[in-house]
Amino acid sequence: MTLAIHGFDALTLEGLKSDDLTTTALTKNIDVNHITREAKFNYASDFAIYDANGKRLRVHRNTDIISIDTLDQGDYMILDADEKAYKLEIQ
């Protein structure tokens, strides 16, 4: 079964920042390795990466590791198939 991630165009990083969730809550299921330029989750799902303007940049399907090697410095949002949101900051 394939799940499509869609309908998140109205979400922004500003919306996540104003939420009551802490950075720890947003990142507890993700481990970012800046050397290998990968983000590893503790579960497999479909993941979509959005820029700070809410534009979907790419989708990774049925995986627990996503490549962040081509992302520029900045703030990003990752949404999984269950609509859990994660903040990703690349410096």
Protein backbone atom coordinates (compact mmCIF):
# COMPACT_ATOMS: atom_id res chain seq x y z
CA MET A 1 0.00 0.00 0.00
CA THR A 2 1.31 3.45 -0.89
CA LEU A 3 0.31 6.56 1.05
CA ALA A 4 0.45 9.95 -0.60
CA ILE A 5 1.46 12.98 1.43
CA HIS A 6 -0.45 16.05 0.35
CA GLY A 7 -2.48 18.97 1.58
CA PHE A 8 0.21 20.59 3.69
CA ASP A 9 0.74 23.70 1.54
CA ALA A 10 -0.91 25.93 4.17
CA LEU A 11 1.48 24.79 6.92
CA THR A 12 4.57 26.87 7.61
CA LEU A 13 7.51 26.74 9.96
CA GLU A 14 6.09 29.84 11.65
CA GLY A 15 2.98 27.83 12.45
CA LEU A 16 5.11 25.13 14.04
CA LYS A 17 7.11 27.68 16.03
CA SER A 18 3.94 29.13 17.53
CA ASP A 19 2.69 25.70 18.56
CA ASP A 20 3.02 24.51 22.16
CA LEU A 21 5.37 21.74 21.06
CA THR A 22 8.95 22.08 22.18
CA THR A 23 11.92 21.46 19.93
CA THR A 24 12.53 18.25 21.85
CA ALA A 25 9.00 17.05 21.12
CA LEU A 26 9.42 17.88 17.44
CA THR A 27 12.73 16.04 17.11
CA LYS A 28 12.49 13.09 19.51
CA ASN A 29 11.95 10.58 16.68
CA ILE A 30 14.64 11.92 14.36
CA ASP A 31 18.43 11.74 14.44
CA VAL A 32 20.17 14.07 12.00
CA ASN A 33 23.71 13.18 10.98
CA HIS A 34 25.28 16.29 9.47
CA ILE A 35 28.36 14.36 8.34
CA THR A 36 26.51 11.79 6.21
CA ARG A 37 23.76 14.38 5.50
CA GLU A 38 20.97 11.99 6.43
CA ALA A 39 18.02 12.16 8.80
CA LYS A 40 17.13 8.84 10.45
CA PHE A 41 13.75 8.22 12.07
CA ASN A 42 12.96 5.51 14.60
CA TYR A 43 10.11 4.27 12.38
CA ALA A 44 9.45 3.81 8.66
CA SER A 45 6.90 5.97 6.85
CA ASP A 46 6.46 8.29 3.89
CA PHE A 47 8.14 11.64 4.56
CA ALA A 48 7.78 14.97 2.74
CA ILE A 49 10.27 17.84 3.12
CA TYR A 50 8.96 21.41 2.93
CA ASP A 51 10.90 24.67 2.85
CA ALA A 52 10.15 27.68 5.06
CA ASN A 53 7.56 28.91 2.55
CA GLY A 54 5.59 25.66 2.65
CA LYS A 55 6.77 24.45 -0.75
CA ARG A 56 7.18 20.67 -0.94
CA LEU A 57 10.71 19.90 -2.08
CA ARG A 58 10.70 16.10 -2.14
CA VAL A 59 9.00 12.97 -0.89
CA HIS A 60 10.65 9.80 0.44
CA ARG A 61 8.46 6.70 0.48
CA ASN A 62 8.39 3.79 2.95
CA THR A 63 11.74 4.50 4.59
CA ASP A 64 13.30 5.46 7.90
CA ILE A 65 16.26 7.37 6.40
CA ILE A 66 15.99 10.47 4.22
CA SER A 67 18.78 12.23 2.43
CA ILE A 68 19.30 15.92 3.19
CA ASP A 69 22.47 16.25 1.12
CA THR A 70 21.05 18.68 -1.43
CA LEU A 71 19.27 20.99 1.04
CA ASP A 72 20.75 24.46 1.52
CA GLN A 73 21.16 26.12 4.89
CA GLY A 74 17.84 27.06 6.43
CA ASP A 75 14.76 25.82 8.23
CA TYR A 76 12.71 22.93 6.88
CA MET A 77 9.66 20.99 7.94
CA ILE A 78 9.32 17.23 7.56
CA LEU A 79 5.85 15.68 7.65
CA ASP A 80 5.20 11.96 7.83
CA ALA A 81 2.21 10.01 6.51
CA ASP A 82 0.44 10.40 9.88
CA GLU A 83 0.89 14.21 9.71
CA LYS A 84 3.51 14.30 12.48
CA ALA A 85 5.68 17.37 11.92
CA TYR A 86 9.40 17.70 12.55
CA LYS A 87 11.54 20.81 12.36
CA LEU A 88 14.88 20.48 10.59
CA GLU A 89 17.47 23.24 10.79
CA ILE A 90 20.50 23.03 8.53
CA GLN A 91 23.36 25.36 9.41
